[in-house]
């Protein structure tokens, strides 16, 4: 026998499992015999995703807007066709992004390819030095400054009017054709176009500021049932969203009881705090889903499509 005393378990108070509240029941289990939405378990993230899909479907059916913000990786994952399809279906009423989305979308539209090898290009200083991309976008924005256009509208307009070879795969071009606002929120110095002598700081700033005001005007319609989705912007769009809803509320527009969701490959502070948590404190609900965009966005799209088909 050891020299250390053990506690006696005699006298433990027990209960019947039949009387115990349980968080998981077989009624919540997955059902592989059913269609996609109904096949998913009503547990944890799957349950949240189903709630979000229902909110999106309800928003669409009741005329409330669904807005989509995104980061550049969404374009690089080849997901523009899903977003364009949602635009064609009337699901998406507005898009917003950081500056990197414009670069990748422009290259896809004009040249059918994008995403350079950054690590290799950094070694010889060639990173971001593609003249057609950077000088092209900078010239568009310089002209947009004079024409009093927003950043996103200007690039979309250019791609449409110049018959970009891959027009139907461009978010900016298709948004322009469908009269859907696409606002671009630039942080000067973060995009490769800013490395070039053709970059006009006044034009970039003014065109992006116009887009911020356009976004503010749109977000006032989130009130009572709208949905704001963020795919993959971990810093810029969470900060922009927070400021935009502040402007809307400061101007006296009611902005409550709406729904937000972040889809990203990792859990980040700003999206969680600025999109999921703080804006919905006065009503509504926020969600955060972690997963690869090339898996999550097709899944999300097909869940919505299925629900609309069954409606």
Protein backbone atom coordinates (compact mmCIF):
# COMPACT_ATOMS: atom_id res chain seq x y z
CA UNK A 1 0.00 0.00 0.00
CA UNK A 2 1.30 3.46 -0.86
CA UNK A 3 2.03 6.08 1.75
CA UNK A 4 -0.38 8.69 0.32
CA UNK A 5 -4.04 8.68 1.31
CA UNK A 6 -6.76 8.44 -1.36
CA UNK A 7 -10.17 10.10 -1.05
CA UNK A 8 -13.11 7.78 -0.42
CA UNK A 9 -15.76 7.90 -3.16
CA UNK A 10 -18.39 6.37 -0.89
CA UNK A 11 -21.35 8.71 -0.63
CA UNK A 12 -21.18 10.22 -4.12
CA UNK A 13 -24.57 11.65 -5.13
CA UNK A 14 -25.73 10.13 -8.43
CA UNK A 15 -28.66 10.74 -10.75
CA UNK A 16 -30.39 9.02 -13.65
CA UNK A 17 -29.20 9.96 -17.13
CA UNK A 18 -32.89 9.96 -18.06
CA UNK A 19 -33.44 12.97 -15.80
CA UNK A 20 -30.34 14.87 -16.93
CA UNK A 21 -30.53 17.72 -19.46
CA UNK A 22 -28.43 16.80 -22.51
CA UNK A 23 -27.12 19.08 -25.23
CA UNK A 24 -27.09 16.44 -27.97
CA UNK A 25 -30.08 14.31 -29.00
CA UNK A 26 -30.44 11.87 -31.86
CA UNK A 27 -32.99 14.24 -33.38
CA UNK A 28 -30.04 16.57 -34.00
CA UNK A 29 -27.99 13.97 -35.88
CA UNK A 30 -27.04 14.15 -39.53
CA UNK A 31 -29.21 12.28 -42.03
CA UNK A 32 -27.31 11.22 -45.17
CA UNK A 33 -30.55 10.19 -46.87
CA UNK A 34 -31.84 13.77 -47.03
CA UNK A 35 -30.91 16.70 -49.26
CA UNK A 36 -27.89 18.80 -48.30
CA UNK A 37 -29.51 21.31 -45.91
CA UNK A 38 -31.60 18.76 -44.02
CA UNK A 39 -28.77 16.22 -44.02
CA UNK A 40 -26.55 18.39 -41.84
CA UNK A 41 -26.63 17.96 -38.05
CA UNK A 42 -28.29 20.60 -35.91
CA UNK A 43 -25.14 20.83 -33.83
CA UNK A 44 -22.53 23.59 -33.34
CA UNK A 45 -21.27 25.24 -36.55
CA UNK A 46 -23.60 23.25 -38.79
CA UNK A 47 -26.59 24.49 -36.80
CA UNK A 48 -25.28 28.07 -37.03
CA UNK A 49 -24.75 27.77 -40.77
CA UNK A 50 -28.31 26.56 -41.25
CA UNK A 51 -29.62 29.52 -39.24
CA UNK A 52 -27.58 31.92 -41.38
CA UNK A 53 -28.84 30.33 -44.58
CA UNK A 54 -32.41 30.69 -43.33
CA UNK A 55 -31.76 34.36 -42.52
CA UNK A 56 -30.38 34.94 -46.02
CA UNK A 57 -33.36 33.24 -47.63
CA UNK A 58 -35.77 35.25 -45.48
CA UNK A 59 -33.94 38.47 -46.33
CA UNK A 60 -34.20 37.71 -50.04
CA UNK A 61 -37.88 36.80 -49.82
CA UNK A 62 -38.78 39.91 -47.81
CA UNK A 63 -36.77 42.38 -49.87
CA UNK A 64 -33.99 42.97 -47.36
CA UNK A 65 -30.46 43.27 -48.73
CA UNK A 66 -27.57 40.86 -48.49
CA UNK A 67 -24.18 42.56 -48.75
CA UNK A 68 -20.94 40.71 -49.43
CA UNK A 69 -17.47 41.91 -48.42
CA UNK A 70 -14.41 39.99 -49.50
CA UNK A 71 -10.65 39.77 -49.51
CA UNK A 72 -8.34 38.95 -52.40
CA UNK A 73 -7.94 35.26 -51.58
CA UNK A 74 -11.55 34.64 -52.57
CA UNK A 75 -10.72 35.69 -56.14
CA UNK A 76 -7.50 33.67 -56.15
CA UNK A 77 -9.46 30.57 -55.15
CA UNK A 78 -11.50 30.84 -58.35
CA UNK A 79 -14.79 31.61 -56.60
CA UNK A 80 -16.00 34.58 -58.63
CA UNK A 81 -18.50 32.42 -60.59
CA UNK A 82 -20.41 31.61 -57.39
CA UNK A 83 -20.62 35.26 -56.39
CA UNK A 84 -21.64 36.32 -59.89
CA UNK A 85 -24.37 33.68 -59.85
CA UNK A 86 -25.67 35.06 -56.55
CA UNK A 87 -25.70 38.51 -58.12
CA UNK A 88 -27.66 37.18 -61.11
CA UNK A 89 -30.15 35.53 -58.76
CA UNK A 90 -30.73 38.86 -57.04
CA UNK A 91 -29.27 37.66 -53.75
CA UNK A 92 -26.37 40.12 -53.50
CA UNK A 93 -27.28 43.82 -53.46
CA UNK A 94 -23.80 45.21 -52.89
CA UNK A 95 -20.15 44.18 -52.79
CA UNK A 96 -17.20 45.72 -50.99
CA UNK A 97 -13.54 44.86 -50.79
CA UNK A 98 -10.01 45.95 -50.09
CA UNK A 99 -7.71 47.01 -52.92
CA UNK A 100 -6.21 43.59 -53.55
CA UNK A 101 -9.50 42.28 -54.92
CA UNK A 102 -9.37 44.89 -57.69
CA UNK A 103 -5.89 43.77 -58.71
CA UNK A 104 -6.76 40.07 -58.94
CA UNK A 105 -10.15 40.72 -60.54
CA UNK A 106 -8.59 43.09 -63.11
CA UNK A 107 -5.93 40.54 -64.05
CA UNK A 108 -8.48 37.74 -64.39
CA UNK A 109 -10.68 39.94 -66.57
CA UNK A 110 -7.89 41.21 -68.81
CA UNK A 111 -5.36 38.39 -68.88
CA UNK A 112 -7.07 35.27 -67.54
CA UNK A 113 -4.51 34.72 -64.78
CA UNK A 114 -3.36 36.26 -61.49
CA UNK A 115 -1.31 35.68 -58.30
CA UNK A 116 2.45 35.91 -58.73
CA UNK A 117 5.05 33.99 -56.72
CA UNK A 118 5.68 36.61 -54.04
CA UNK A 119 8.56 34.84 -52.30
CA UNK A 120 10.55 34.50 -55.51
CA UNK A 121 9.72 37.98 -56.78
CA UNK A 122 10.74 39.60 -53.50
CA UNK A 123 14.28 38.33 -53.89
CA UNK A 124 14.99 40.36 -57.02
CA UNK A 125 12.63 43.26 -56.36
CA UNK A 126 10.20 42.38 -59.14
CA UNK A 127 7.20 41.81 -56.86
CA UNK A 128 4.24 43.87 -58.04
CA UNK A 129 6.00 45.34 -61.06
CA UNK A 130 3.56 44.14 -63.74
CA UNK A 131 3.12 47.27 -65.83
CA UNK A 132 -0.20 46.40 -67.49
CA UNK A 133 -1.86 45.75 -64.14
CA UNK A 134 -0.49 48.59 -62.07
CA UNK A 135 -0.27 51.36 -64.65
CA UNK A 136 -3.60 50.26 -66.05
CA UNK A 137 -5.45 50.49 -62.73
CA UNK A 138 -3.69 53.72 -61.76
CA UNK A 139 -4.70 55.36 -65.03
CA UNK A 140 -8.30 54.24 -64.55
CA UNK A 141 -8.40 55.79 -61.08
CA UNK A 142 -6.76 59.04 -62.21
CA UNK A 143 -9.48 59.41 -64.84
CA UNK A 144 -12.17 58.41 -62.33
CA UNK A 145 -11.03 61.24 -60.07
CA UNK A 146 -11.87 63.76 -62.81
CA UNK A 147 -15.15 62.02 -63.67
CA UNK A 148 -16.19 61.90 -59.99
CA UNK A 149 -16.58 58.12 -59.99
CA UNK A 150 -16.03 55.72 -57.15
CA UNK A 151 -13.10 53.33 -57.26
CA UNK A 152 -15.11 50.16 -57.88
CA UNK A 153 -17.45 51.70 -60.43
CA UNK A 154 -14.53 53.13 -62.39
CA UNK A 155 -12.72 49.81 -62.79
CA UNK A 156 -15.92 47.92 -63.60
CA UNK A 157 -16.85 50.55 -66.19
CA UNK A 158 -13.44 50.30 -67.82
CA UNK A 159 -13.59 46.51 -68.08
CA UNK A 160 -17.06 46.60 -69.62
CA UNK A 161 -16.40 49.43 -72.07
CA UNK A 162 -13.11 47.88 -73.19
CA UNK A 163 -14.57 44.41 -73.65
CA UNK A 164 -12.24 42.62 -71.27
CA UNK A 165 -11.59 39.12 -72.65
CA UNK A 166 -12.86 37.39 -69.50
CA UNK A 167 -15.61 39.86 -68.67
CA UNK A 168 -18.07 37.28 -67.35
CA UNK A 169 -15.58 36.13 -64.69
CA UNK A 170 -15.00 39.63 -63.31
CA UNK A 171 -16.90 40.70 -60.20
CA UNK A 172 -16.23 44.37 -60.90
CA UNK A 173 -17.43 44.16 -64.50
CA UNK A 174 -20.51 42.07 -63.79
CA UNK A 175 -21.47 44.24 -60.82
CA UNK A 176 -21.21 47.30 -63.08
CA UNK A 177 -23.35 45.64 -65.76
CA UNK A 178 -25.99 44.65 -63.19
CA UNK A 179 -25.99 48.07 -61.49
CA UNK A 180 -24.81 46.56 -58.22
CA UNK A 181 -22.53 48.88 -56.21
CA UNK A 182 -19.02 47.52 -55.68
CA UNK A 183 -17.15 49.69 -53.21
CA UNK A 184 -13.38 49.50 -52.83
CA UNK A 185 -11.67 50.53 -49.60
CA UNK A 186 -7.98 51.19 -50.14
CA UNK A 187 -5.25 51.36 -47.52
CA UNK A 188 -2.47 53.32 -49.22
CA UNK A 189 0.74 51.32 -49.39
CA UNK A 190 -0.87 47.89 -49.14
CA UNK A 191 -1.41 47.28 -52.87
CA UNK A 192 1.16 46.74 -55.62
CA UNK A 193 -0.34 49.58 -57.66
CA UNK A 194 0.94 52.02 -55.02
CA UNK A 195 4.55 51.10 -55.81
CA UNK A 196 4.39 52.78 -59.22
CA UNK A 197 5.01 56.35 -60.30
CA UNK A 198 1.59 56.39 -61.97
CA UNK A 199 -0.14 56.13 -58.58
CA UNK A 200 -1.99 59.35 -57.77
CA UNK A 201 -2.59 59.57 -54.04
CA UNK A 202 -5.25 62.25 -54.36
CA UNK A 203 -7.18 60.22 -56.93
CA UNK A 204 -6.87 56.96 -55.01
CA UNK A 205 -7.98 58.58 -51.77
CA UNK A 206 -10.87 60.53 -53.25
CA UNK A 207 -12.27 57.62 -55.27
CA UNK A 208 -12.06 55.28 -52.30
CA UNK A 209 -13.65 57.89 -50.03
CA UNK A 210 -16.55 58.18 -52.47
CA UNK A 211 -16.96 54.44 -52.17
CA UNK A 212 -17.03 54.68 -48.39
CA UNK A 213 -19.94 57.11 -48.60
CA UNK A 214 -21.70 54.80 -51.07
CA UNK A 215 -21.25 51.91 -48.63
CA UNK A 216 -22.67 53.98 -45.77
CA UNK A 217 -25.71 54.78 -47.88
CA UNK A 218 -26.23 51.10 -48.59
CA UNK A 219 -25.77 49.81 -45.06
CA UNK A 220 -28.66 51.84 -43.72
CA UNK A 221 -30.88 49.27 -45.46
CA UNK A 222 -29.57 46.48 -43.23
CA UNK A 223 -32.06 47.55 -40.58
CA UNK A 224 -34.54 44.85 -39.51
CA UNK A 225 -33.44 41.72 -41.32
CA UNK A 226 -30.57 42.55 -43.66
CA UNK A 227 -27.42 40.41 -43.84
CA UNK A 228 -23.75 41.42 -44.07
CA UNK A 229 -21.30 38.68 -45.08
CA UNK A 230 -17.53 38.94 -44.97
CA UNK A 231 -15.44 36.36 -46.82
CA UNK A 232 -11.77 36.64 -46.08
CA UNK A 233 -11.05 40.28 -45.24
CA UNK A 234 -9.34 40.09 -41.87
CA UNK A 235 -8.46 43.77 -41.34
CA UNK A 236 -9.70 46.35 -43.85
CA UNK A 237 -13.37 45.46 -44.23
CA UNK A 238 -13.98 44.82 -40.50
CA UNK A 239 -12.63 48.31 -39.77
CA UNK A 240 -14.56 49.91 -42.63
CA UNK A 241 -17.79 48.18 -41.61
CA UNK A 242 -17.55 49.45 -38.05
CA UNK A 243 -17.04 53.04 -39.18
CA UNK A 244 -19.79 52.82 -41.78
CA UNK A 245 -22.47 51.63 -39.38
CA UNK A 246 -21.37 54.36 -36.96
CA UNK A 247 -22.00 56.96 -39.66
CA UNK A 248 -25.41 55.48 -40.42
CA UNK A 249 -26.49 55.51 -36.78
CA UNK A 250 -24.98 58.94 -36.15
CA UNK A 251 -27.08 60.36 -38.99
CA UNK A 252 -30.21 59.09 -37.27
CA UNK A 253 -31.00 56.05 -39.37
CA UNK A 254 -32.23 53.05 -37.36
CA UNK A 255 -29.84 50.13 -37.73
CA UNK A 256 -30.78 47.18 -35.56
CA UNK A 257 -31.77 43.53 -35.78
CA UNK A 258 -29.59 42.56 -38.71
CA UNK A 259 -27.31 39.58 -39.20
CA UNK A 260 -23.60 39.30 -39.87
CA UNK A 261 -21.25 36.46 -40.69
CA UNK A 262 -17.54 36.02 -41.22
CA UNK A 263 -16.06 33.17 -43.24
CA UNK A 264 -12.30 32.84 -43.01
CA UNK A 265 -9.48 30.31 -42.83
CA UNK A 266 -8.56 31.38 -39.29
CA UNK A 267 -10.21 33.07 -36.32
CA UNK A 268 -9.20 36.75 -36.23
CA UNK A 269 -9.82 39.46 -33.64
CA UNK A 270 -11.11 42.25 -35.87
CA UNK A 271 -13.70 40.29 -37.85
CA UNK A 272 -14.95 38.61 -34.69
CA UNK A 273 -15.21 41.89 -32.78
CA UNK A 274 -16.10 44.41 -35.48
CA UNK A 275 -18.47 42.33 -37.59
CA UNK A 276 -19.78 39.43 -35.51
CA UNK A 277 -20.01 40.87 -31.99
CA UNK A 278 -20.23 44.65 -31.57
CA UNK A 279 -22.61 45.63 -34.39
CA UNK A 280 -25.28 43.13 -33.33
CA UNK A 281 -25.33 43.94 -29.62
CA UNK A 282 -28.57 45.90 -30.06
CA UNK A 283 -30.30 43.06 -31.90
CA UNK A 284 -29.71 40.42 -34.52
CA UNK A 285 -26.93 37.87 -34.47
CA UNK A 286 -23.39 37.35 -35.72
CA UNK A 287 -21.71 34.13 -36.85
CA UNK A 288 -18.12 33.07 -37.48
CA UNK A 289 -17.21 30.08 -39.65
CA UNK A 290 -13.66 28.79 -40.02
CA UNK A 291 -12.75 26.94 -43.19
CA UNK A 292 -11.16 27.21 -46.61
CA UNK A 293 -12.99 29.59 -48.95
CA UNK A 294 -12.89 27.11 -51.82
CA UNK A 295 -14.95 24.74 -49.67
CA UNK A 296 -17.09 27.08 -47.59
CA UNK A 297 -18.38 29.42 -50.29
CA UNK A 298 -19.62 26.66 -52.63
CA UNK A 299 -21.24 24.95 -49.63
CA UNK A 300 -22.91 28.18 -48.54
CA UNK A 301 -24.12 28.96 -52.06
CA UNK A 302 -25.60 25.52 -52.62
CA UNK A 303 -27.38 25.54 -49.27
CA UNK A 304 -29.07 28.82 -50.18
CA UNK A 305 -29.87 27.63 -53.69
CA UNK A 306 -31.43 24.45 -52.33
CA UNK A 307 -33.57 26.33 -49.81
CA UNK A 308 -34.79 28.75 -52.48
CA UNK A 309 -35.62 25.85 -54.80
CA UNK A 310 -37.63 24.15 -52.06
CA UNK A 311 -39.45 27.34 -51.06
